[in-house]
Amino acid sequence: MRTLVTGGAGFVGSHLVEHLLAQGDDVVILDDMSTGSVGNLIEARSNPRLTITYGSILDSRSVREAIDGCDRVFHLAALVGVKLIVENPLRGLRVNLHGTENVLNAAVGSGASVLLVSTSEIYGKNTADSLDENSDRILGSPLASRWNYAAAKGLDESFAKAYSDEYNLDVSIVRLFNTVGERQTGRYGMVVPNLITQALRGEPVTVFGDGAQTRCFSYVGDIVPAMVRISELSEPGCEAYNLGGAQEVSVLGLARQIITQLGSDSTIEFVPYERAYATGFEDMRRRVPNNTKATNRVGYVPSTTLAEIVDRVAGYVRSQGARSADVMRLANREPATPVGQS
């Protein structure tokens, strides 16, 4: 199997690439490295079955060349993160709309199947107890940049369905709910790595708003195998699948758990949304996935607990800090401190 992963140097993409290589695929990555990093592929880069192509999904020629000879595509390349979208609304729309159509067009020409990676953001402000794949989308004003990502990803899904209907393209959709894990950066406002990094440094842990908003965090190691199994389903039409966590927690509860679990001296600081983002910013008060469809079709069960997620992300953050210190010591010609000495 030869597989193209757009955005394969990103957080979820790099974990997916490692999984595909482990199961024997030849893997091609197309990534412009705008939010991804070759550093996420340290272990995978030495694999002779991996090809890394630097290019943008906005360049239709690059997409066609990357997909040539591939049997399937996992389309993850997108502008992600609420903070990044709010600050770059036009770029977000271009990448998430034009880029996705370039991928779908190229797939039709090559005969490859497509798994479109979408997001729980498409449900917007729907706070239902359990969001299933047919739940209504409740979005704010189209003039508010906060909703650009949700609107664009919803249209991505509409593009996928139209290409399936009109061109008989083999395409499926997965909607990820707050996927977290190693390699995720807090640079674009991702809450778990941000809070953990602050706690490890003993800094105030910042909670936006009142912290009562709730989420169900899912571990990337549970999500990736389910994505692959969904891509291998043989079914007519274009189907969507929720992939999320099973434990609902408030952001304030998450902050408290992180401080306690990591033995941190950090305090909690509440930050108004208008200070963190822009005036008029809206957040979703609640988002709980119904994973029944994915459970029934591919056996998806989110088995990694929130406590395990915190431990694994904290371990990764610590390792990155140690790696940065090693780099600085080499740059300064400073010998490392031997183990067992202070």
C-alpha atoms as a PDB file:
ATOM      1  CA  MET A   1       0.000   0.000   0.000  1.00  0.00           C
ATOM      2  CA  ARG A   2       1.322   3.430  -0.959  1.00  0.00           C
ATOM      3  CA  THR A   3      -0.187   6.230   1.130  1.00  0.00           C
ATOM      4  CA  LEU A   4      -0.034  10.016   0.939  1.00  0.00           C
ATOM      5  CA  VAL A   5      -0.361  11.969   4.187  1.00  0.00           C
ATOM      6  CA  THR A   6      -0.873  15.700   3.727  1.00  0.00           C
ATOM      7  CA  GLY A   7       0.289  17.521   6.836  1.00  0.00           C
ATOM      8  CA  GLY A   8       2.322  14.461   7.775  1.00  0.00           C
ATOM      9  CA  ALA A   9       4.897  16.488   9.724  1.00  0.00           C
ATOM     10  CA  GLY A  10       2.258  17.832  12.098  1.00  0.00           C
ATOM     11  CA  PHE A  11       1.176  16.545  15.484  1.00  0.00           C
ATOM     12  CA  VAL A  12      -1.436  13.949  14.448  1.00  0.00           C
ATOM     13  CA  GLY A  13       0.121  13.478  11.012  1.00  0.00           C
ATOM     14  CA  SER A  14       3.505  12.382  12.359  1.00  0.00           C
ATOM     15  CA  HIS A  15       1.905   9.774  14.634  1.00  0.00           C
ATOM     16  CA  LEU A  16      -0.138   8.541  11.672  1.00  0.00           C
ATOM     17  CA  VAL A  17       2.997   8.298   9.498  1.00  0.00           C
ATOM     18  CA  GLU A  18       4.744   6.156  12.126  1.00  0.00           C
ATOM     19  CA  HIS A  19       1.700   3.872  12.384  1.00  0.00           C
ATOM     20  CA  LEU A  20       1.479   3.420   8.608  1.00  0.00           C
ATOM     21  CA  LEU A  21       5.185   2.665   8.280  1.00  0.00           C
ATOM     22  CA  ALA A  22       4.923   0.123  11.098  1.00  0.00           C
ATOM     23  CA  GLN A  23       2.175  -1.723   9.246  1.00  0.00           C
ATOM     24  CA  GLY A  24       4.248  -1.845   6.047  1.00  0.00           C
ATOM     25  CA  ASP A  25       2.998   1.072   3.929  1.00  0.00           C
ATOM     26  CA  ASP A  26       5.168   3.144   1.633  1.00  0.00           C
ATOM     27  CA  VAL A  27       4.390   6.658   2.844  1.00  0.00           C
ATOM     28  CA  VAL A  28       4.629  10.010   1.081  1.00  0.00           C
ATOM     29  CA  ILE A  29       4.342  13.217   3.120  1.00  0.00           C
ATOM     30  CA  LEU A  30       3.288  16.528   1.601  1.00  0.00           C
ATOM     31  CA  ASP A  31       3.826  19.372   4.070  1.00  0.00           C
ATOM     32  CA  ASP A  32       4.855  23.027   3.798  1.00  0.00           C
ATOM     33  CA  MET A  33       6.158  22.954   7.402  1.00  0.00           C
ATOM     34  CA  SER A  34       4.167  26.072   8.303  1.00  0.00           C
ATOM     35  CA  THR A  35       2.866  24.414  11.477  1.00  0.00           C
ATOM     36  CA  GLY A  36       4.504  20.985  11.168  1.00  0.00           C
ATOM     37  CA  SER A  37       8.133  20.179  11.864  1.00  0.00           C
ATOM     38  CA  VAL A  38      10.717  17.722  10.590  1.00  0.00           C
ATOM     39  CA  GLY A  39      11.552  17.308  14.274  1.00  0.00           C
ATOM     40  CA  ASN A  40       8.292  15.372  14.626  1.00  0.00           C
ATOM     41  CA  LEU A  41       9.693  12.780  12.208  1.00  0.00           C
ATOM     42  CA  ILE A  42      13.024  12.076  13.904  1.00  0.00           C
ATOM     43  CA  GLU A  43      12.441   8.324  14.103  1.00  0.00           C
ATOM     44  CA  ALA A  44      10.488   7.958  10.865  1.00  0.00           C
ATOM     45  CA  ARG A  45      12.986   9.838   8.657  1.00  0.00           C
ATOM     46  CA  SER A  46      15.442   6.958   8.571  1.00  0.00           C
ATOM     47  CA  ASN A  47      12.839   4.586   7.121  1.00  0.00           C
ATOM     48  CA  PRO A  48      13.551   3.950   3.408  1.00  0.00           C
ATOM     49  CA  ARG A  49       9.814   3.635   2.749  1.00  0.00           C
ATOM     50  CA  LEU A  50       9.218   7.286   3.687  1.00  0.00           C
ATOM     51  CA  THR A  51       9.337  10.140   1.179  1.00  0.00           C
ATOM     52  CA  ILE A  52       9.066  13.716   2.451  1.00  0.00           C
ATOM     53  CA  THR A  53       7.922  16.323  -0.062  1.00  0.00           C
ATOM     54  CA  TYR A  54       8.021  19.995   0.862  1.00  0.00           C
ATOM     55  CA  GLY A  55       5.017  21.690  -0.719  1.00  0.00           C
ATOM     56  CA  SER A  56       1.661  23.312  -0.145  1.00  0.00           C
ATOM     57  CA  ILE A  57      -1.782  21.857  -0.774  1.00  0.00           C
ATOM     58  CA  LEU A  58      -2.560  25.250  -2.340  1.00  0.00           C
ATOM     59  CA  ASP A  59      -0.228  24.254  -5.197  1.00  0.00           C
ATOM     60  CA  SER A  60      -2.308  21.873  -7.307  1.00  0.00           C
ATOM     61  CA  ARG A  61       0.757  20.645  -9.211  1.00  0.00           C
ATOM     62  CA  SER A  62       2.527  19.670  -5.969  1.00  0.00           C
ATOM     63  CA  VAL A  63      -0.569  17.795  -4.855  1.00  0.00           C
ATOM     64  CA  ARG A  64      -0.876  15.901  -8.149  1.00  0.00           C
ATOM     65  CA  GLU A  65       2.804  14.937  -8.095  1.00  0.00           C
ATOM     66  CA  ALA A  66       2.623  13.775  -4.481  1.00  0.00           C
ATOM     67  CA  ILE A  67      -0.491  11.655  -5.023  1.00  0.00           C
ATOM     68  CA  ASP A  68       0.812   9.999  -8.189  1.00  0.00           C
ATOM     69  CA  GLY A  69       0.971   6.236  -7.643  1.00  0.00           C
ATOM     70  CA  CYS A  70      -0.714   6.377  -4.228  1.00  0.00           C
ATOM     71  CA  ASP A  71      -3.564   4.063  -3.286  1.00  0.00           C
ATOM     72  CA  ARG A  72      -5.022   6.311  -0.596  1.00  0.00           C
ATOM     73  CA  VAL A  73      -4.736   9.759   0.942  1.00  0.00           C
ATOM     74  CA  PHE A  74      -5.068  10.905   4.532  1.00  0.00           C
ATOM     75  CA  HIS A  75      -5.802  14.614   4.246  1.00  0.00           C
ATOM     76  CA  LEU A  76      -4.725  16.362   7.449  1.00  0.00           C
ATOM     77  CA  ALA A  77      -3.078  19.518   6.102  1.00  0.00           C
ATOM     78  CA  ALA A  78      -5.010  22.517   7.392  1.00  0.00           C
ATOM     79  CA  LEU A  79      -4.639  25.691   9.382  1.00  0.00           C
ATOM     80  CA  VAL A  80      -5.630  24.591  12.893  1.00  0.00           C
ATOM     81  CA  GLY A  81      -5.992  26.073  16.351  1.00  0.00           C
ATOM     82  CA  VAL A  82      -8.497  28.746  17.339  1.00  0.00           C
ATOM     83  CA  LYS A  83      -5.783  31.339  18.053  1.00  0.00           C
ATOM     84  CA  LEU A  84      -4.114  30.851  14.671  1.00  0.00           C
ATOM     85  CA  ILE A  85      -7.440  31.008  12.806  1.00  0.00           C
ATOM     86  CA  VAL A  86      -8.595  34.151  14.597  1.00  0.00           C
ATOM     87  CA  GLU A  87      -5.290  35.872  13.811  1.00  0.00           C
ATOM     88  CA  ASN A  88      -5.117  34.656  10.171  1.00  0.00           C
ATOM     89  CA  PRO A  89      -8.720  34.396   8.890  1.00  0.00           C
ATOM     90  CA  LEU A  90      -7.984  34.792   5.176  1.00  0.00           C
ATOM     91  CA  ARG A  91      -5.102  32.327   5.200  1.00  0.00           C
ATOM     92  CA  GLY A  92      -7.271  29.863   7.116  1.00  0.00           C
ATOM     93  CA  LEU A  93     -10.057  30.038   4.550  1.00  0.00           C
ATOM     94  CA  ARG A  94      -7.684  29.638   1.610  1.00  0.00           C
ATOM     95  CA  VAL A  95      -5.824  26.647   3.026  1.00  0.00           C
ATOM     96  CA  ASN A  96      -8.857  24.862   4.404  1.00  0.00           C
ATOM     97  CA  LEU A  97     -11.056  25.383   1.331  1.00  0.00           C
ATOM     98  CA  HIS A  98      -8.882  25.640  -1.794  1.00  0.00           C
ATOM     99  CA  GLY A  99      -6.337  23.171  -0.453  1.00  0.00           C
ATOM    100  CA  THR A 100      -8.948  20.509   0.244  1.00  0.00           C
ATOM    101  CA  GLU A 101     -10.481  20.832  -3.217  1.00  0.00           C
ATOM    102  CA  ASN A 102      -7.010  20.452  -4.754  1.00  0.00           C
ATOM    103  CA  VAL A 103      -6.588  17.183  -2.844  1.00  0.00           C
ATOM    104  CA  LEU A 104     -10.030  15.887  -3.835  1.00  0.00           C
ATOM    105  CA  ASN A 105      -9.453  16.823  -7.488  1.00  0.00           C
ATOM    106  CA  ALA A 106      -6.113  15.052  -7.548  1.00  0.00           C
ATOM    107  CA  ALA A 107      -7.624  11.963  -5.926  1.00  0.00           C
ATOM    108  CA  VAL A 108     -10.270  11.731  -8.627  1.00  0.00           C
ATOM    109  CA  GLY A 109      -7.557  11.879 -11.275  1.00  0.00           C
ATOM    110  CA  SER A 110      -5.382   9.260  -9.587  1.00  0.00           C
ATOM    111  CA  GLY A 111      -8.046   6.841  -8.378  1.00  0.00           C
ATOM    112  CA  ALA A 112      -6.875   7.055  -4.750  1.00  0.00           C
ATOM    113  CA  SER A 113      -9.301   6.877  -1.841  1.00  0.00           C
ATOM    114  CA  VAL A 114      -9.430   9.763   0.646  1.00  0.00           C
ATOM    115  CA  LEU A 115      -9.850  10.037   4.396  1.00  0.00           C
ATOM    116  CA  LEU A 116     -10.681  13.666   5.169  1.00  0.00           C
ATOM    117  CA  VAL A 117      -9.727  14.642   8.710  1.00  0.00           C
ATOM    118  CA  SER A 118     -12.299  17.118   9.990  1.00  0.00           C
ATOM    119  CA  THR A 119     -13.062  18.475  13.443  1.00  0.00           C
ATOM    120  CA  SER A 120     -15.641  18.700  16.214  1.00  0.00           C
ATOM    121  CA  GLU A 121     -15.517  22.459  15.599  1.00  0.00           C
ATOM    122  CA  ILE A 122     -18.098  21.941  12.866  1.00  0.00           C
ATOM    123  CA  TYR A 123     -20.783  21.432  15.557  1.00  0.00           C
ATOM    124  CA  GLY A 124     -20.165  24.983  16.747  1.00  0.00           C
ATOM    125  CA  LYS A 125     -22.214  26.010  19.786  1.00  0.00           C
ATOM    126  CA  ASN A 126     -24.305  22.846  19.965  1.00  0.00           C
ATOM    127  CA  THR A 127     -24.048  21.781  23.644  1.00  0.00           C
ATOM    128  CA  ALA A 128     -26.085  18.569  23.383  1.00  0.00           C
ATOM    129  CA  ASP A 129     -25.343  15.762  25.845  1.00  0.00           C
ATOM    130  CA  SER A 130     -23.939  13.577  23.090  1.00  0.00           C
ATOM    131  CA  LEU A 131     -23.155  14.902  19.618  1.00  0.00           C
ATOM    132  CA  ASP A 132     -23.666  12.287  16.922  1.00  0.00           C
ATOM    133  CA  GLU A 133     -22.731  12.591  13.269  1.00  0.00           C
ATOM    134  CA  ASN A 134     -26.157  13.985  12.331  1.00  0.00           C
ATOM    135  CA  SER A 135     -26.327  16.609  15.090  1.00  0.00           C
ATOM    136  CA  ASP A 136     -27.154  20.163  14.031  1.00  0.00           C
ATOM    137  CA  ARG A 137     -24.442  22.728  13.500  1.00  0.00           C
ATOM    138  CA  ILE A 138     -24.937  25.969  15.449  1.00  0.00           C
ATOM    139  CA  LEU A 139     -22.524  28.667  14.334  1.00  0.00           C
ATOM    140  CA  GLY A 140     -22.068  32.345  15.094  1.00  0.00           C
ATOM    141  CA  SER A 141     -21.966  35.201  12.598  1.00  0.00           C
ATOM    142  CA  PRO A 142     -20.008  34.569   9.385  1.00  0.00           C
ATOM    143  CA  LEU A 143     -18.439  37.998   9.955  1.00  0.00           C
ATOM    144  CA  ALA A 144     -16.788  36.783  13.172  1.00  0.00           C
ATOM    145  CA  SER A 145     -13.409  35.221  12.384  1.00  0.00           C
ATOM    146  CA  ARG A 146     -13.913  32.838  15.325  1.00  0.00           C
ATOM    147  CA  TRP A 147     -16.236  30.793  13.126  1.00  0.00           C
ATOM    148  CA  ASN A 148     -14.090  30.696   9.981  1.00  0.00           C
ATOM    149  CA  TYR A 149     -12.526  27.343  10.847  1.00  0.00           C
ATOM    150  CA  ALA A 150     -15.861  25.687  11.659  1.00  0.00           C
ATOM    151  CA  ALA A 151     -17.410  27.070   8.471  1.00  0.00           C
ATOM    152  CA  ALA A 152     -14.459  26.071   6.272  1.00  0.00           C
ATOM    153  CA  LYS A 153     -14.235  22.520   7.660  1.00  0.00           C
ATOM    154  CA  GLY A 154     -17.982  22.113   7.228  1.00  0.00           C
ATOM    155  CA  LEU A 155     -17.598  23.114   3.589  1.00  0.00           C
ATOM    156  CA  ASP A 156     -14.668  20.693   3.284  1.00  0.00           C
ATOM    157  CA  GLU A 157     -17.061  17.934   4.268  1.00  0.00           C
ATOM    158  CA  SER A 158     -19.613  19.211   1.750  1.00  0.00           C
ATOM    159  CA  PHE A 159     -16.917  19.125  -0.941  1.00  0.00           C
ATOM    160  CA  ALA A 160     -16.090  15.536   0.040  1.00  0.00           C
ATOM    161  CA  LYS A 161     -19.744  14.477  -0.190  1.00  0.00           C
ATOM    162  CA  ALA A 162     -20.176  16.222  -3.562  1.00  0.00           C
ATOM    163  CA  TYR A 163     -17.050  14.548  -4.990  1.00  0.00           C
ATOM    164  CA  SER A 164     -18.347  11.223  -3.748  1.00  0.00           C
ATOM    165  CA  ASP A 165     -21.755  11.775  -5.332  1.00  0.00           C
ATOM    166  CA  GLU A 166     -20.641  13.287  -8.624  1.00  0.00           C
ATOM    167  CA  TYR A 167     -17.289  11.569  -9.266  1.00  0.00           C
ATOM    168  CA  ASN A 168     -17.798   8.346  -7.305  1.00  0.00           C
ATOM    169  CA  LEU A 169     -14.760   9.217  -5.195  1.00  0.00           C
ATOM    170  CA  ASP A 170     -14.103   6.785  -2.327  1.00  0.00           C
ATOM    171  CA  VAL A 171     -13.998   9.229   0.591  1.00  0.00           C
ATOM    172  CA  SER A 172     -14.674   9.052   4.325  1.00  0.00           C
ATOM    173  CA  ILE A 173     -14.594  11.719   7.046  1.00  0.00           C
ATOM    174  CA  VAL A 174     -13.406  11.614  10.649  1.00  0.00           C
ATOM    175  CA  ARG A 175     -14.252  14.392  13.107  1.00  0.00           C
ATOM    176  CA  LEU A 176     -11.626  14.664  15.831  1.00  0.00           C
ATOM    177  CA  PHE A 177     -12.589  15.914  19.295  1.00  0.00           C
ATOM    178  CA  ASN A 178      -9.734  17.640  21.142  1.00  0.00           C
ATOM    179  CA  THR A 179      -7.014  15.149  20.242  1.00  0.00           C
ATOM    180  CA  VAL A 180      -3.928  15.519  22.444  1.00  0.00           C
ATOM    181  CA  GLY A 181      -0.613  13.780  23.032  1.00  0.00           C
ATOM    182  CA  GLU A 182       3.129  13.982  22.523  1.00  0.00           C
ATOM    183  CA  ARG A 183       4.362  16.512  19.924  1.00  0.00           C
ATOM    184  CA  GLN A 184       1.334  18.755  20.244  1.00  0.00           C
ATOM    185  CA  THR A 185       2.462  22.320  20.734  1.00  0.00           C
ATOM    186  CA  GLY A 186       0.798  25.019  22.796  1.00  0.00           C
ATOM    187  CA  ARG A 187       1.971  27.570  20.260  1.00  0.00           C
ATOM    188  CA  TYR A 188      -1.453  27.888  18.660  1.00  0.00           C
ATOM    189  CA  GLY A 189      -3.528  27.902  21.832  1.00  0.00           C
ATOM    190  CA  MET A 190      -3.794  24.140  22.472  1.00  0.00           C
ATOM    191  CA  VAL A 191      -4.931  23.939  26.077  1.00  0.00           C
ATOM    192  CA  VAL A 192      -3.346  20.699  27.367  1.00  0.00           C
ATOM    193  CA  PRO A 193       0.305  21.365  26.401  1.00  0.00           C
ATOM    194  CA  ASN A 194      -0.074  24.997  27.468  1.00  0.00           C
ATOM    195  CA  LEU A 195      -1.335  24.160  30.961  1.00  0.00           C
ATOM    196  CA  ILE A 196       1.187  21.363  31.462  1.00  0.00           C
ATOM    197  CA  THR A 197       4.109  23.548  30.368  1.00  0.00           C
ATOM    198  CA  GLN A 198       3.023  26.308  32.749  1.00  0.00           C
ATOM    199  CA  ALA A 199       2.625  23.847  35.629  1.00  0.00           C
ATOM    200  CA  LEU A 200       6.045  22.291  35.046  1.00  0.00           C
ATOM    201  CA  ARG A 201       7.626  25.741  35.088  1.00  0.00           C
ATOM    202  CA  GLY A 202       5.770  26.752  38.253  1.00  0.00           C
ATOM    203  CA  GLU A 203       4.113  29.605  36.367  1.00  0.00           C
ATOM    204  CA  PRO A 204       0.469  30.632  36.862  1.00  0.00           C
ATOM    205  CA  VAL A 205      -1.761  28.184  34.994  1.00  0.00           C
ATOM    206  CA  THR A 206      -4.003  30.302  32.777  1.00  0.00           C
ATOM    207  CA  VAL A 207      -7.667  29.391  32.420  1.00  0.00           C
ATOM    208  CA  PHE A 208      -9.671  31.383  29.878  1.00  0.00           C
ATOM    209  CA  GLY A 209     -13.083  32.635  30.916  1.00  0.00           C
ATOM    210  CA  ASP A 210     -14.592  31.032  34.015  1.00  0.00           C
ATOM    211  CA  GLY A 211     -13.159  27.570  33.227  1.00  0.00           C
ATOM    212  CA  ALA A 212     -16.577  25.923  33.356  1.00  0.00           C
ATOM    213  CA  GLN A 213     -16.452  25.009  29.641  1.00  0.00           C
ATOM    214  CA  THR A 214     -16.109  21.235  29.251  1.00  0.00           C
ATOM    215  CA  ARG A 215     -14.332  19.004  26.743  1.00  0.00           C
ATOM    216  CA  CYS A 216     -13.601  15.305  26.182  1.00  0.00           C
ATOM    217  CA  PHE A 217      -9.896  14.944  25.421  1.00  0.00           C
ATOM    218  CA  SER A 218      -8.786  11.989  23.300  1.00  0.00           C
ATOM    219  CA  TYR A 219      -5.303  10.490  23.041  1.00  0.00           C
ATOM    220  CA  VAL A 220      -3.610  10.463  19.641  1.00  0.00           C
ATOM    221  CA  GLY A 221      -2.516   6.850  20.188  1.00  0.00           C
ATOM    222  CA  ASP A 222      -6.180   5.796  20.372  1.00  0.00           C
ATOM    223  CA  ILE A 223      -7.265   7.997  17.463  1.00  0.00           C
ATOM    224  CA  VAL A 224      -4.713   7.062  14.779  1.00  0.00           C
ATOM    225  CA  PRO A 225      -5.455   3.292  14.563  1.00  0.00           C
ATOM    226  CA  ALA A 226      -9.180   4.075  14.320  1.00  0.00           C
ATOM    227  CA  MET A 227      -8.530   6.516  11.479  1.00  0.00           C
ATOM    228  CA  VAL A 228      -6.659   3.830   9.563  1.00  0.00           C
ATOM    229  CA  ARG A 229      -9.382   1.248  10.112  1.00  0.00           C
ATOM    230  CA  ILE A 230     -12.027   3.707   8.907  1.00  0.00           C
ATOM    231  CA  SER A 231      -9.989   4.367   5.754  1.00  0.00           C
ATOM    232  CA  GLU A 232     -10.073   0.628   5.048  1.00  0.00           C
ATOM    233  CA  LEU A 233     -13.856   0.283   5.275  1.00  0.00           C
ATOM    234  CA  SER A 234     -15.627  -0.611   2.068  1.00  0.00           C
ATOM    235  CA  GLU A 235     -18.886   1.322   1.979  1.00  0.00           C
ATOM    236  CA  PRO A 236     -20.844   3.291  -0.609  1.00  0.00           C
ATOM    237  CA  GLY A 237     -21.198   7.049  -0.357  1.00  0.00           C
ATOM    238  CA  CYS A 238     -19.441   9.399   2.022  1.00  0.00           C
ATOM    239  CA  GLU A 239     -19.718   8.624   5.749  1.00  0.00           C
ATOM    240  CA  ALA A 240     -18.560  10.700   8.742  1.00  0.00           C
ATOM    241  CA  TYR A 241     -17.319   9.326  12.072  1.00  0.00           C
ATOM    242  CA  ASN A 242     -16.791  11.012  15.425  1.00  0.00           C
ATOM    243  CA  LEU A 243     -13.557  10.141  17.225  1.00  0.00           C
ATOM    244  CA  GLY A 244     -13.368  11.602  20.714  1.00  0.00           C
ATOM    245  CA  GLY A 245     -12.662  10.923  24.363  1.00  0.00           C
ATOM    246  CA  ALA A 246     -14.975   9.362  26.927  1.00  0.00           C
ATOM    247  CA  GLN A 247     -14.258  11.529  29.993  1.00  0.00           C
ATOM    248  CA  GLU A 248     -15.868  14.983  30.186  1.00  0.00           C
ATOM    249  CA  VAL A 249     -13.878  17.522  32.198  1.00  0.00           C
ATOM    250  CA  SER A 250     -14.065  21.283  32.687  1.00  0.00           C
ATOM    251  CA  VAL A 251     -11.015  23.335  31.776  1.00  0.00           C
ATOM    252  CA  LEU A 252     -10.809  24.459  35.408  1.00  0.00           C
ATOM    253  CA  GLY A 253     -10.981  20.827  36.531  1.00  0.00           C
ATOM    254  CA  LEU A 254      -8.255  19.977  34.015  1.00  0.00           C
ATOM    255  CA  ALA A 255      -6.022  22.758  35.359  1.00  0.00           C
ATOM    256  CA  ARG A 256      -6.492  21.564  38.930  1.00  0.00           C
ATOM    257  CA  GLN A 257      -5.773  17.955  37.978  1.00  0.00           C
ATOM    258  CA  ILE A 258      -2.584  18.937  36.139  1.00  0.00           C
ATOM    259  CA  ILE A 259      -1.287  20.969  39.103  1.00  0.00           C
ATOM    260  CA  THR A 260      -2.047  18.166  41.567  1.00  0.00           C
ATOM    261  CA  GLN A 261      -0.827  15.320  39.372  1.00  0.00           C
ATOM    262  CA  LEU A 262       2.457  17.025  38.531  1.00  0.00           C
ATOM    263  CA  GLY A 263       3.056  18.222  42.093  1.00  0.00           C
ATOM    264  CA  SER A 264       3.294  21.791  40.842  1.00  0.00           C
ATOM    265  CA  ASP A 265       3.322  24.951  42.986  1.00  0.00           C
ATOM    266  CA  SER A 266       1.465  26.846  40.267  1.00  0.00           C
ATOM    267  CA  THR A 267      -1.615  28.900  41.027  1.00  0.00           C
ATOM    268  CA  ILE A 268      -4.584  29.300  38.673  1.00  0.00           C
ATOM    269  CA  GLU A 269      -5.039  32.612  36.879  1.00  0.00           C
ATOM    270  CA  PHE A 270      -8.339  33.380  35.148  1.00  0.00           C
ATOM    271  CA  VAL A 271      -7.864  35.276  31.883  1.00  0.00           C
ATOM    272  CA  PRO A 272     -10.804  37.055  30.214  1.00  0.00           C
ATOM    273  CA  TYR A 273     -11.395  36.007  26.622  1.00  0.00           C
ATOM    274  CA  GLU A 274     -11.004  39.584  25.403  1.00  0.00           C
ATOM    275  CA  ARG A 275      -7.455  39.576  26.794  1.00  0.00           C
ATOM    276  CA  ALA A 276      -6.582  36.203  25.287  1.00  0.00           C
ATOM    277  CA  TYR A 277      -8.195  36.760  21.909  1.00  0.00           C
ATOM    278  CA  ALA A 278     -10.276  39.677  20.685  1.00  0.00           C
ATOM    279  CA  THR A 279     -13.405  41.469  21.861  1.00  0.00           C
ATOM    280  CA  GLY A 280     -16.531  39.413  21.171  1.00  0.00           C
ATOM    281  CA  PHE A 281     -14.744  36.028  21.121  1.00  0.00           C
ATOM    282  CA  GLU A 282     -17.097  33.102  21.720  1.00  0.00           C
ATOM    283  CA  ASP A 283     -16.198  29.734  23.196  1.00  0.00           C
ATOM    284  CA  MET A 284     -18.189  26.497  23.208  1.00  0.00           C
ATOM    285  CA  ARG A 285     -19.488  25.766  26.688  1.00  0.00           C
ATOM    286  CA  ARG A 286     -19.677  22.030  26.162  1.00  0.00           C
ATOM    287  CA  ARG A 287     -18.648  19.445  23.592  1.00  0.00           C
ATOM    288  CA  VAL A 288     -19.296  15.747  24.161  1.00  0.00           C
ATOM    289  CA  PRO A 289     -18.928  13.185  21.340  1.00  0.00           C
ATOM    290  CA  ASN A 290     -21.097  10.181  20.649  1.00  0.00           C
ATOM    291  CA  ASN A 291     -18.593   7.596  19.408  1.00  0.00           C
ATOM    292  CA  THR A 292     -21.146   4.811  18.883  1.00  0.00           C
ATOM    293  CA  LYS A 293     -20.819   4.711  15.085  1.00  0.00           C
ATOM    294  CA  ALA A 294     -17.018   4.339  15.155  1.00  0.00           C
ATOM    295  CA  THR A 295     -17.257   1.803  17.981  1.00  0.00           C
ATOM    296  CA  ASN A 296     -19.714  -0.330  16.028  1.00  0.00           C
ATOM    297  CA  ARG A 297     -17.912  -0.104  12.695  1.00  0.00           C
ATOM    298  CA  VAL A 298     -14.213  -0.295  13.640  1.00  0.00           C
ATOM    299  CA  GLY A 299     -14.164  -1.131  17.367  1.00  0.00           C
ATOM    300  CA  TYR A 300     -12.989   2.311  18.454  1.00  0.00           C
ATOM    301  CA  VAL A 301     -12.721   2.588  22.250  1.00  0.00           C
ATOM    302  CA  PRO A 302     -10.906   5.595  23.797  1.00  0.00           C
ATOM    303  CA  SER A 303      -8.995   3.632  26.441  1.00  0.00           C
ATOM    304  CA  THR A 304      -6.322   6.148  27.513  1.00  0.00           C
ATOM    305  CA  THR A 305      -7.393   8.012  30.653  1.00  0.00           C
ATOM    306  CA  LEU A 306      -6.957  11.731  31.220  1.00  0.00           C
ATOM    307  CA  ALA A 307      -4.387  11.014  33.941  1.00  0.00           C
ATOM    308  CA  GLU A 308      -2.357   8.914  31.483  1.00  0.00           C
ATOM    309  CA  ILE A 309      -2.602  11.678  28.877  1.00  0.00           C
ATOM    310  CA  VAL A 310      -1.274  14.230  31.368  1.00  0.00           C
ATOM    311  CA  ASP A 311       1.646  11.954  32.291  1.00  0.00           C
ATOM    312  CA  ARG A 312       2.585  11.320  28.659  1.00  0.00           C
ATOM    313  CA  VAL A 313       2.361  14.943  27.570  1.00  0.00           C
ATOM    314  CA  ALA A 314       4.305  16.042  30.662  1.00  0.00           C
ATOM    315  CA  GLY A 315       7.002  13.476  29.879  1.00  0.00           C
ATOM    316  CA  TYR A 316       7.264  14.838  26.352  1.00  0.00           C
ATOM    317  CA  VAL A 317       7.441  18.454  27.536  1.00  0.00           C
ATOM    318  CA  ARG A 318      10.212  17.517  29.987  1.00  0.00           C
ATOM    319  CA  SER A 319      12.136  15.689  27.248  1.00  0.00           C
ATOM    320  CA  GLN A 320      11.921  18.717  24.967  1.00  0.00           C
ATOM    321  CA  GLY A 321      13.241  20.925  27.756  1.00  0.00           C
ATOM    322  CA  ALA A 322      16.176  18.568  28.307  1.00  0.00           C
ATOM    323  CA  ARG A 323      16.870  18.474  24.575  1.00  0.00           C
ATOM    324  CA  SER A 324      16.881  22.284  24.385  1.00  0.00           C
ATOM    325  CA  ALA A 325      19.301  22.429  27.317  1.00  0.00           C
ATOM    326  CA  ASP A 326      21.610  19.952  25.552  1.00  0.00           C
ATOM    327  CA  VAL A 327      21.566  22.083  22.413  1.00  0.00           C
ATOM    328  CA  MET A 328      22.450  25.197  24.426  1.00  0.00           C
ATOM    329  CA  ARG A 329      25.324  23.414  26.182  1.00  0.00           C
ATOM    330  CA  LEU A 330      26.749  22.317  22.843  1.00  0.00           C
ATOM    331  CA  ALA A 331      26.392  25.811  21.440  1.00  0.00           C
ATOM    332  CA  ASN A 332      28.226  27.268  24.431  1.00  0.00           C
ATOM    333  CA  ARG A 333      30.783  24.425  24.552  1.00  0.00           C
ATOM    334  CA  GLU A 334      29.529  23.758  28.081  1.00  0.00           C
ATOM    335  CA  PRO A 335      29.978  20.197  29.396  1.00  0.00           C
ATOM    336  CA  ALA A 336      26.840  18.453  30.560  1.00  0.00           C
ATOM    337  CA  THR A 337      26.466  17.823  34.285  1.00  0.00           C
ATOM    338  CA  PRO A 338      27.268  14.142  35.033  1.00  0.00           C
ATOM    339  CA  VAL A 339      24.390  12.012  36.352  1.00  0.00           C
ATOM    340  CA  GLY A 340      24.265  12.058  40.131  1.00  0.00           C
ATOM    341  CA  GLN A 341      25.872  15.483  40.515  1.00  0.00           C
ATOM    342  CA  SER A 342      24.245  18.857  40.997  1.00  0.00           C
END
